[in-house]
Amino acid sequence: MTLEQKIERAKQLRSMAMMNAEGLEDAKAAIVPTLYPKWVVGEKVEPGDRRYYEPDGKLYKVREGQGHTTQESWTPDKTPAMWAVIDVTHTGSKEDPITASRGMDYIYGKYYLDPEDSKIYLCKREGEPDGGTINLQYLPHEIVNQYFVLAE
């Protein structure tokens, strides 16, 4: 097989993988973020659309009711009201915390690793049962003792 044939075959295989990735549930999609279309400026996106944002290497999903046309200043990492981070590769236990991101849906009773201070926090708020979710635009260290407690 020539180099050109190998390159063509690789393109075909990638195309097939990308088509199959569309049907994946979020938990599996997070494992292969680069199989999704890259986020680009000027694209119309609808709720549920997933895009790979290359600068931070994360997969994002358009939130319900937040369809829009992408703009240079509305990147997924800076507009958490429009984009949800898909990161389900961690159990959320103290031994395997979820990496926190601004604008993500946090789950009460799960542990999160804050990427800015490298500490682990438990998502906890008085009166809120474990398993409930809340969307926060902050990292755990920014709102400790409000929605998070430092894990011992």
C-alpha atoms as a PDB file:
ATOM      1  CA  MET A   1       0.000   0.000   0.000  1.00  0.00           C
ATOM      2  CA  THR A   2       1.422   3.391  -0.951  1.00  0.00           C
ATOM      3  CA  LEU A   3       1.657   6.324   1.461  1.00  0.00           C
ATOM      4  CA  GLU A   4      -1.140   8.087  -0.403  1.00  0.00           C
ATOM      5  CA  GLN A   5      -3.368   5.017  -0.069  1.00  0.00           C
ATOM      6  CA  LYS A   6      -2.602   4.784   3.659  1.00  0.00           C
ATOM      7  CA  ILE A   7      -3.486   8.451   4.121  1.00  0.00           C
ATOM      8  CA  GLU A   8      -6.734   8.004   2.212  1.00  0.00           C
ATOM      9  CA  ARG A   9      -7.604   4.929   4.288  1.00  0.00           C
ATOM     10  CA  ALA A  10      -6.882   6.819   7.518  1.00  0.00           C
ATOM     11  CA  LYS A  11      -9.214   9.631   6.385  1.00  0.00           C
ATOM     12  CA  GLN A  12     -11.956   7.106   5.655  1.00  0.00           C
ATOM     13  CA  LEU A  13     -11.557   5.443   9.053  1.00  0.00           C
ATOM     14  CA  ARG A  14     -11.662   8.804  10.853  1.00  0.00           C
ATOM     15  CA  SER A  15     -14.803   9.782   8.961  1.00  0.00           C
ATOM     16  CA  MET A  16     -16.475   6.518   9.960  1.00  0.00           C
ATOM     17  CA  ALA A  17     -15.433   6.991  13.603  1.00  0.00           C
ATOM     18  CA  MET A  18     -16.836  10.531  13.609  1.00  0.00           C
ATOM     19  CA  MET A  19     -20.179   9.323  12.231  1.00  0.00           C
ATOM     20  CA  ASN A  20     -20.382   6.611  14.901  1.00  0.00           C
ATOM     21  CA  ALA A  21     -19.452   9.084  17.648  1.00  0.00           C
ATOM     22  CA  GLU A  22     -22.620  11.108  17.022  1.00  0.00           C
ATOM     23  CA  GLY A  23     -24.701   8.353  18.610  1.00  0.00           C
ATOM     24  CA  LEU A  24     -22.612   8.051  21.767  1.00  0.00           C
ATOM     25  CA  GLU A  25     -24.029   9.019  25.143  1.00  0.00           C
ATOM     26  CA  ASP A  26     -22.144  11.819  26.913  1.00  0.00           C
ATOM     27  CA  ALA A  27     -20.290   9.411  29.210  1.00  0.00           C
ATOM     28  CA  LYS A  28     -18.677   7.708  26.234  1.00  0.00           C
ATOM     29  CA  ALA A  29     -18.347  10.875  24.138  1.00  0.00           C
ATOM     30  CA  ALA A  30     -16.130  12.445  26.815  1.00  0.00           C
ATOM     31  CA  ILE A  31     -13.585   9.683  26.239  1.00  0.00           C
ATOM     32  CA  VAL A  32     -13.143  10.594  22.551  1.00  0.00           C
ATOM     33  CA  PRO A  33     -13.613  14.391  22.354  1.00  0.00           C
ATOM     34  CA  THR A  34     -11.515  14.813  19.205  1.00  0.00           C
ATOM     35  CA  LEU A  35     -14.022  12.770  17.189  1.00  0.00           C
ATOM     36  CA  TYR A  36     -16.476  15.653  17.406  1.00  0.00           C
ATOM     37  CA  PRO A  37     -16.499  18.737  15.212  1.00  0.00           C
ATOM     38  CA  LYS A  38     -14.176  21.487  16.374  1.00  0.00           C
ATOM     39  CA  TRP A  39     -15.751  24.637  17.739  1.00  0.00           C
ATOM     40  CA  VAL A  40     -15.461  27.364  15.099  1.00  0.00           C
ATOM     41  CA  VAL A  41     -16.619  30.966  14.803  1.00  0.00           C
ATOM     42  CA  GLY A  42     -19.782  31.649  12.785  1.00  0.00           C
ATOM     43  CA  GLU A  43     -21.456  28.250  13.091  1.00  0.00           C
ATOM     44  CA  LYS A  44     -25.126  27.878  13.998  1.00  0.00           C
ATOM     45  CA  VAL A  45     -25.437  25.421  16.916  1.00  0.00           C
ATOM     46  CA  GLU A  46     -28.531  23.928  18.512  1.00  0.00           C
ATOM     47  CA  PRO A  47     -29.207  22.568  22.016  1.00  0.00           C
ATOM     48  CA  GLY A  48     -27.497  19.214  22.428  1.00  0.00           C
ATOM     49  CA  ASP A  49     -24.841  19.853  19.757  1.00  0.00           C
ATOM     50  CA  ARG A  50     -21.384  18.812  20.943  1.00  0.00           C
ATOM     51  CA  ARG A  51     -18.168  20.550  19.967  1.00  0.00           C
ATOM     52  CA  TYR A  52     -14.520  19.913  20.736  1.00  0.00           C
ATOM     53  CA  TYR A  53     -12.800  23.091  21.928  1.00  0.00           C
ATOM     54  CA  GLU A  54      -9.163  22.580  20.996  1.00  0.00           C
ATOM     55  CA  PRO A  55      -7.555  25.280  23.227  1.00  0.00           C
ATOM     56  CA  ASP A  56      -8.575  23.465  26.427  1.00  0.00           C
ATOM     57  CA  GLY A  57      -9.049  19.964  24.987  1.00  0.00           C
ATOM     58  CA  LYS A  58     -12.595  19.618  26.336  1.00  0.00           C
ATOM     59  CA  LEU A  59     -15.873  18.517  24.836  1.00  0.00           C
ATOM     60  CA  TYR A  60     -18.814  20.887  25.301  1.00  0.00           C
ATOM     61  CA  LYS A  61     -22.548  20.586  24.712  1.00  0.00           C
ATOM     62  CA  VAL A  62     -24.965  23.428  23.890  1.00  0.00           C
ATOM     63  CA  ARG A  63     -27.343  23.858  26.825  1.00  0.00           C
ATOM     64  CA  GLU A  64     -31.107  23.545  26.456  1.00  0.00           C
ATOM     65  CA  GLY A  65     -32.657  26.741  25.130  1.00  0.00           C
ATOM     66  CA  GLN A  66     -29.257  28.157  24.181  1.00  0.00           C
ATOM     67  CA  GLY A  67     -29.012  27.647  20.422  1.00  0.00           C
ATOM     68  CA  HIS A  68     -26.977  30.439  18.828  1.00  0.00           C
ATOM     69  CA  THR A  69     -24.413  31.344  16.192  1.00  0.00           C
ATOM     70  CA  THR A  70     -20.908  31.043  17.598  1.00  0.00           C
ATOM     71  CA  GLN A  71     -18.905  34.219  17.982  1.00  0.00           C
ATOM     72  CA  GLU A  72     -15.241  34.869  18.636  1.00  0.00           C
ATOM     73  CA  SER A  73     -15.919  36.275  22.116  1.00  0.00           C
ATOM     74  CA  TRP A  74     -18.398  33.489  23.010  1.00  0.00           C
ATOM     75  CA  THR A  75     -15.998  30.569  23.324  1.00  0.00           C
ATOM     76  CA  PRO A  76     -17.310  27.573  25.306  1.00  0.00           C
ATOM     77  CA  ASP A  77     -14.816  28.102  28.124  1.00  0.00           C
ATOM     78  CA  LYS A  78     -16.014  31.695  28.600  1.00  0.00           C
ATOM     79  CA  THR A  79     -19.791  31.259  28.144  1.00  0.00           C
ATOM     80  CA  PRO A  80     -20.853  28.536  30.580  1.00  0.00           C
ATOM     81  CA  ALA A  81     -24.463  29.709  30.430  1.00  0.00           C
ATOM     82  CA  MET A  82     -24.521  28.477  26.804  1.00  0.00           C
ATOM     83  CA  TRP A  83     -22.105  25.526  26.923  1.00  0.00           C
ATOM     84  CA  ALA A  84     -21.854  22.646  29.409  1.00  0.00           C
ATOM     85  CA  VAL A  85     -18.557  20.817  29.854  1.00  0.00           C
ATOM     86  CA  ILE A  86     -18.859  17.086  29.251  1.00  0.00           C
ATOM     87  CA  ASP A  87     -16.491  15.372  31.665  1.00  0.00           C
ATOM     88  CA  VAL A  88     -17.681  12.096  33.028  1.00  0.00           C
ATOM     89  CA  THR A  89     -14.416  10.199  33.102  1.00  0.00           C
ATOM     90  CA  HIS A  90     -14.118  10.377  36.906  1.00  0.00           C
ATOM     91  CA  THR A  91     -16.257   8.806  39.611  1.00  0.00           C
ATOM     92  CA  GLY A  92     -16.336  11.876  41.834  1.00  0.00           C
ATOM     93  CA  SER A  93     -14.935   9.989  44.790  1.00  0.00           C
ATOM     94  CA  LYS A  94     -12.172  11.450  46.935  1.00  0.00           C
ATOM     95  CA  GLU A  95      -9.747   9.039  45.249  1.00  0.00           C
ATOM     96  CA  ASP A  96     -10.994   9.904  41.726  1.00  0.00           C
ATOM     97  CA  PRO A  97     -12.299  13.498  41.798  1.00  0.00           C
ATOM     98  CA  ILE A  98     -13.929  15.217  38.842  1.00  0.00           C
ATOM     99  CA  THR A  99     -11.884  18.058  37.368  1.00  0.00           C
ATOM    100  CA  ALA A 100     -13.810  21.270  38.048  1.00  0.00           C
ATOM    101  CA  SER A 101     -14.598  23.811  35.345  1.00  0.00           C
ATOM    102  CA  ARG A 102     -16.434  27.107  35.375  1.00  0.00           C
ATOM    103  CA  GLY A 103     -20.012  26.621  34.246  1.00  0.00           C
ATOM    104  CA  MET A 104     -20.224  22.923  34.863  1.00  0.00           C
ATOM    105  CA  ASP A 105     -23.063  21.092  36.550  1.00  0.00           C
ATOM    106  CA  TYR A 106     -21.761  20.107  39.973  1.00  0.00           C
ATOM    107  CA  ILE A 107     -23.316  17.223  41.878  1.00  0.00           C
ATOM    108  CA  TYR A 108     -23.813  17.454  45.633  1.00  0.00           C
ATOM    109  CA  GLY A 109     -21.882  14.719  47.396  1.00  0.00           C
ATOM    110  CA  LYS A 110     -19.163  14.423  44.719  1.00  0.00           C
ATOM    111  CA  TYR A 111     -15.526  15.461  44.999  1.00  0.00           C
ATOM    112  CA  TYR A 112     -13.892  17.931  42.607  1.00  0.00           C
ATOM    113  CA  LEU A 113     -10.286  18.756  41.799  1.00  0.00           C
ATOM    114  CA  ASP A 114      -9.802  22.506  41.426  1.00  0.00           C
ATOM    115  CA  PRO A 115      -7.387  23.055  38.510  1.00  0.00           C
ATOM    116  CA  GLU A 116      -6.172  26.397  39.888  1.00  0.00           C
ATOM    117  CA  ASP A 117      -5.092  25.367  43.386  1.00  0.00           C
ATOM    118  CA  SER A 118      -4.841  21.573  42.865  1.00  0.00           C
ATOM    119  CA  LYS A 119      -6.927  20.885  45.987  1.00  0.00           C
ATOM    120  CA  ILE A 120      -9.873  18.533  46.317  1.00  0.00           C
ATOM    121  CA  TYR A 121     -13.270  19.845  47.422  1.00  0.00           C
ATOM    122  CA  LEU A 122     -16.577  18.210  48.323  1.00  0.00           C
ATOM    123  CA  CYS A 123     -19.667  19.801  46.782  1.00  0.00           C
ATOM    124  CA  LYS A 124     -21.928  20.317  49.775  1.00  0.00           C
ATOM    125  CA  ARG A 125     -24.567  22.819  50.830  1.00  0.00           C
ATOM    126  CA  GLU A 126     -26.733  22.684  53.902  1.00  0.00           C
ATOM    127  CA  GLY A 127     -30.238  21.516  53.083  1.00  0.00           C
ATOM    128  CA  GLU A 128     -29.268  20.021  49.708  1.00  0.00           C
ATOM    129  CA  PRO A 129     -29.352  16.219  49.391  1.00  0.00           C
ATOM    130  CA  ASP A 130     -26.539  14.266  47.732  1.00  0.00           C
ATOM    131  CA  GLY A 131     -27.206  13.650  44.050  1.00  0.00           C
ATOM    132  CA  GLY A 132     -28.794  17.018  43.346  1.00  0.00           C
ATOM    133  CA  THR A 133     -27.103  19.250  40.800  1.00  0.00           C
ATOM    134  CA  ILE A 134     -26.281  22.911  40.526  1.00  0.00           C
ATOM    135  CA  ASN A 135     -24.666  24.854  37.716  1.00  0.00           C
ATOM    136  CA  LEU A 136     -21.968  27.194  39.012  1.00  0.00           C
ATOM    137  CA  GLN A 137     -19.859  29.733  37.151  1.00  0.00           C
ATOM    138  CA  TYR A 138     -17.052  29.442  39.717  1.00  0.00           C
ATOM    139  CA  LEU A 139     -14.302  27.052  40.691  1.00  0.00           C
ATOM    140  CA  PRO A 140     -14.538  25.415  44.131  1.00  0.00           C
ATOM    141  CA  HIS A 141     -11.831  27.526  45.795  1.00  0.00           C
ATOM    142  CA  GLU A 142     -13.736  30.686  44.834  1.00  0.00           C
ATOM    143  CA  ILE A 143     -16.862  29.709  46.759  1.00  0.00           C
ATOM    144  CA  VAL A 144     -15.541  27.493  49.538  1.00  0.00           C
ATOM    145  CA  ASN A 145     -17.911  27.260  52.524  1.00  0.00           C
ATOM    146  CA  GLN A 146     -20.817  28.220  50.252  1.00  0.00           C
ATOM    147  CA  TYR A 147     -21.051  25.265  47.887  1.00  0.00           C
ATOM    148  CA  PHE A 148     -17.825  23.439  48.657  1.00  0.00           C
ATOM    149  CA  VAL A 149     -15.782  22.275  51.609  1.00  0.00           C
ATOM    150  CA  LEU A 150     -12.083  21.502  51.428  1.00  0.00           C
ATOM    151  CA  ALA A 151     -11.597  17.737  51.611  1.00  0.00           C
ATOM    152  CA  GLU A 152      -9.434  16.645  54.524  1.00  0.00           C
END
